[in-house]
Amino acid sequence: MRKRKEQNQTTEEIPQDEQQTATQVEEAAAAEDAVTVDEPSELEKQLDEQGRQLAQMKDSYLRLMAEYENFRKRSRSEKEALYEQSVSDVVTLWLPVLDNLARARSACETAGATDVESVVSGLALVERQIGDVLARLGVEQIEALGQTFDPERHEAVLHVEDEEAGPAEVVEVLQEGYRRGERIIRFATVKVAN
């Protein structure tokens, strides 16, 4: 009997212990749920904040790209307008020269043998006018005759022996050269001695 009583006591005690253990497990699970509930809400806040920041950065990026595209289009149109204006300005400078050449041709057609001097003087005036137009455009003639040959300004097409000329001296200019500032527009075509 004693054994049965002891067994009954232990059987009764075990369910209570299990009950306590089950309660402890439930409480621990509830505590974990409370912790996990708090953590996701904090993580969700961080995730939402990161999402907002990403959306702002994307918006800024798209605005910057749109501004750049507008700048590029505006720059292209300004460049084209500037080019058109420059061409018009240059042509305006050359039109009087063209008019004077037409007058010189007309004078040559109607000139007699005695009018040759007037035609020559008229062509000299046109040549001077051309020099003035080039000067207004900042273009100057490259000095060559009597200068020492310089491959950065001159292009030698003939070489002659001339005892009166110095070494590598330009003795004849076959075609004038022109430059604007430091930029060579056309090299002077020259004949070089020795």
Protein backbone atom coordinates (compact mmCIF):
# COMPACT_ATOMS: atom_id res chain seq x y z
CA MET A 1 0.00 0.00 0.00
CA ARG A 2 2.71 2.19 0.78
CA LYS A 3 4.00 1.71 -2.68
CA ARG A 4 0.71 2.71 -4.17
CA LYS A 5 0.54 5.81 -2.08
CA GLU A 6 4.00 6.77 -3.13
CA GLN A 7 3.17 6.05 -6.73
CA ASN A 8 0.02 8.13 -6.49
CA GLN A 9 1.92 10.96 -4.96
CA THR A 10 4.54 10.85 -7.68
CA THR A 11 1.87 10.59 -10.38
CA GLU A 12 0.09 13.57 -8.98
CA GLU A 13 3.29 15.49 -8.66
CA ILE A 14 4.41 14.81 -12.20
CA PRO A 15 1.44 16.42 -13.84
CA GLN A 16 1.90 19.44 -11.67
CA ASP A 17 5.55 19.63 -12.63
CA GLU A 18 4.58 19.21 -16.26
CA GLN A 19 1.98 21.84 -15.77
CA GLN A 20 4.56 24.19 -14.33
CA THR A 21 6.97 23.35 -17.12
CA ALA A 22 4.25 23.90 -19.72
CA THR A 23 3.40 27.20 -18.13
CA GLN A 24 7.04 28.21 -18.11
CA VAL A 25 7.34 27.22 -21.78
CA GLU A 26 4.24 29.25 -22.63
CA GLU A 27 5.57 32.24 -20.71
CA ALA A 28 8.95 31.95 -22.46
CA ALA A 29 7.22 31.70 -25.82
CA ALA A 30 5.09 34.72 -24.98
CA ALA A 31 8.23 36.60 -23.95
CA GLU A 32 9.89 35.59 -27.24
CA ASP A 33 6.79 36.67 -29.14
CA ALA A 34 6.92 40.00 -27.35
CA VAL A 35 10.58 40.40 -28.32
CA THR A 36 10.04 39.32 -31.92
CA VAL A 37 7.04 41.60 -32.23
CA ASP A 38 9.13 44.57 -31.09
CA GLU A 39 12.07 43.70 -33.33
CA PRO A 40 10.11 43.48 -36.59
CA SER A 41 8.36 46.75 -35.87
CA GLU A 42 11.78 48.42 -35.39
CA LEU A 43 13.10 46.66 -38.49
CA GLU A 44 10.01 47.66 -40.41
CA LYS A 45 10.61 51.27 -39.39
CA GLN A 46 14.20 51.07 -40.59
CA LEU A 47 13.11 49.39 -43.80
CA ASP A 48 10.47 52.07 -44.40
CA GLU A 49 13.08 54.79 -43.76
CA GLN A 50 15.51 53.13 -46.18
CA GLY A 51 12.70 52.87 -48.75
CA ARG A 52 11.94 56.59 -48.39
CA GLN A 53 15.62 57.48 -48.73
CA LEU A 54 15.91 55.29 -51.82
CA ALA A 55 12.83 56.91 -53.36
CA GLN A 56 14.28 60.38 -52.67
CA MET A 57 17.62 59.41 -54.19
CA LYS A 58 15.90 57.94 -57.24
CA ASP A 59 13.85 61.11 -57.64
CA SER A 60 16.99 63.27 -57.31
CA TYR A 61 18.77 61.09 -59.86
CA LEU A 62 15.91 61.34 -62.36
CA ARG A 63 15.71 65.11 -61.92
CA LEU A 64 19.48 65.44 -62.41
CA MET A 65 19.35 63.34 -65.58
CA ALA A 66 16.47 65.44 -66.93
CA GLU A 67 18.38 68.66 -66.16
CA TYR A 68 21.49 67.29 -67.87
CA GLU A 69 19.50 66.30 -70.96
CA ASN A 70 17.94 69.78 -71.10
CA PHE A 71 21.40 71.36 -70.71
CA ARG A 72 22.77 69.19 -73.52
CA LYS A 73 19.91 70.14 -75.87
CA ARG A 74 20.20 73.82 -74.97
CA SER A 75 23.99 73.76 -75.47
CA ARG A 76 23.60 72.10 -78.86
CA SER A 77 21.04 74.65 -80.04
CA GLU A 78 23.15 77.57 -78.72
CA LYS A 79 26.21 76.16 -80.48
CA GLU A 80 24.31 75.85 -83.76
CA ALA A 81 22.95 79.39 -83.41
CA LEU A 82 26.43 80.73 -82.67
CA TYR A 83 27.85 78.93 -85.71
CA GLU A 84 25.10 80.34 -87.95
CA GLN A 85 25.70 83.84 -86.61
CA SER A 86 29.47 83.50 -87.14
CA VAL A 87 29.02 82.35 -90.73
CA SER A 88 26.64 85.25 -91.39
CA ASP A 89 29.11 87.73 -89.90
CA VAL A 90 31.99 86.43 -92.05
CA VAL A 91 29.90 86.41 -95.22
CA THR A 92 28.78 89.98 -94.49
CA LEU A 93 32.44 91.04 -94.37
CA TRP A 94 33.22 89.34 -97.71
CA LEU A 95 30.22 90.62 -99.69
CA PRO A 96 31.74 94.08 -100.45
CA VAL A 97 34.90 92.34 -101.69
CA LEU A 98 32.81 90.18 -104.00
CA ASP A 99 31.00 93.28 -105.27
CA ASN A 100 34.31 95.00 -106.04
CA LEU A 101 35.64 91.93 -107.87
CA ALA A 102 32.50 91.92 -110.00
CA ARG A 103 33.09 95.61 -110.79
CA ALA A 104 36.74 94.84 -111.70
CA ARG A 105 35.67 92.03 -114.05
CA SER A 106 33.12 94.33 -115.64
CA ALA A 107 35.78 97.05 -116.07
CA CYS A 108 38.15 94.52 -117.69
CA GLU A 109 35.47 93.53 -120.20
CA THR A 110 34.85 97.12 -121.29
CA ALA A 111 38.38 98.48 -120.86
CA GLY A 112 40.52 99.39 -123.75
CA ALA A 113 44.30 99.27 -123.86
CA THR A 114 44.56 102.67 -122.20
CA ASP A 115 42.37 101.68 -119.23
CA VAL A 116 44.69 98.87 -118.06
CA GLU A 117 46.22 101.09 -115.40
CA SER A 118 42.82 101.88 -113.89
CA VAL A 119 41.92 98.17 -113.82
CA VAL A 120 45.21 97.33 -112.12
CA SER A 121 44.72 100.07 -109.52
CA GLY A 122 41.14 98.84 -108.94
CA LEU A 123 42.41 95.29 -108.35
CA ALA A 124 45.01 96.66 -105.93
CA LEU A 125 42.17 98.32 -104.00
CA VAL A 126 40.28 95.02 -103.89
CA GLU A 127 43.41 93.26 -102.65
CA ARG A 128 43.80 95.86 -99.89
CA GLN A 129 40.13 95.41 -99.00
CA ILE A 130 40.69 91.66 -98.69
CA GLY A 131 43.61 92.33 -96.34
CA ASP A 132 41.37 94.57 -94.22
CA VAL A 133 38.67 91.88 -93.99
CA LEU A 134 41.26 89.29 -92.94
CA ALA A 135 42.67 91.68 -90.33
CA ARG A 136 39.16 92.25 -88.91
CA LEU A 137 38.83 88.48 -88.59
CA GLY A 138 42.17 88.29 -86.75
CA VAL A 139 43.93 86.57 -89.67
CA GLU A 140 47.43 87.68 -90.57
CA GLN A 141 49.81 86.78 -93.33
CA ILE A 142 52.82 84.62 -92.44
CA GLU A 143 56.08 86.38 -93.21
CA ALA A 144 58.25 84.18 -95.39
CA LEU A 145 60.36 86.04 -97.98
CA GLY A 146 63.93 86.50 -96.71
CA GLN A 147 63.17 84.52 -93.53
CA THR A 148 64.92 81.34 -92.45
CA PHE A 149 62.84 78.31 -93.40
CA ASP A 150 60.59 77.23 -90.49
CA PRO A 151 58.72 73.94 -91.03
CA GLU A 152 56.08 75.05 -88.53
CA ARG A 153 55.11 78.02 -90.74
CA HIS A 154 56.45 77.21 -94.22
CA GLU A 155 56.10 74.38 -96.70
CA ALA A 156 59.11 73.99 -98.99
CA VAL A 157 58.27 72.71 -102.49
CA LEU A 158 61.47 73.75 -104.30
CA HIS A 159 65.13 73.89 -103.36
CA VAL A 160 67.64 75.99 -105.29
CA GLU A 161 71.33 76.81 -105.01
CA ASP A 162 71.78 80.54 -104.54
CA GLU A 163 75.11 81.98 -103.45
CA GLU A 164 73.60 85.31 -102.51
CA ALA A 165 71.05 83.74 -100.10
CA GLY A 166 71.86 82.42 -96.64
CA PRO A 167 71.46 78.80 -95.55
CA ALA A 168 67.81 77.63 -95.57
CA GLU A 169 66.63 81.11 -96.60
CA VAL A 170 63.27 81.53 -98.29
CA VAL A 171 64.00 83.14 -101.68
CA GLU A 172 60.51 83.04 -103.20
CA VAL A 173 56.95 82.75 -101.92
CA LEU A 174 54.80 80.69 -104.27
CA GLN A 175 51.63 80.93 -102.17
CA GLU A 176 51.02 83.12 -99.13
CA GLY A 177 50.41 81.48 -95.78
CA TYR A 178 47.95 82.71 -93.13
CA ARG A 179 47.46 82.21 -89.42
CA ARG A 180 45.04 83.32 -86.75
CA GLY A 181 46.85 83.69 -83.46
CA GLU A 182 48.96 80.59 -83.01
CA ARG A 183 46.83 78.45 -85.35
CA ILE A 184 48.12 78.00 -88.89
CA ILE A 185 45.30 78.27 -91.42
CA ARG A 186 47.52 77.64 -94.43
CA PHE A 187 51.29 77.15 -94.57
CA ALA A 188 53.27 79.47 -96.83
CA THR A 189 54.43 77.55 -99.88
CA VAL A 190 58.03 78.60 -100.52
CA LYS A 191 61.23 78.08 -102.50
CA VAL A 192 64.27 77.58 -100.24
CA ALA A 193 67.91 78.27 -101.08
CA ASN A 194 70.99 76.17 -100.24
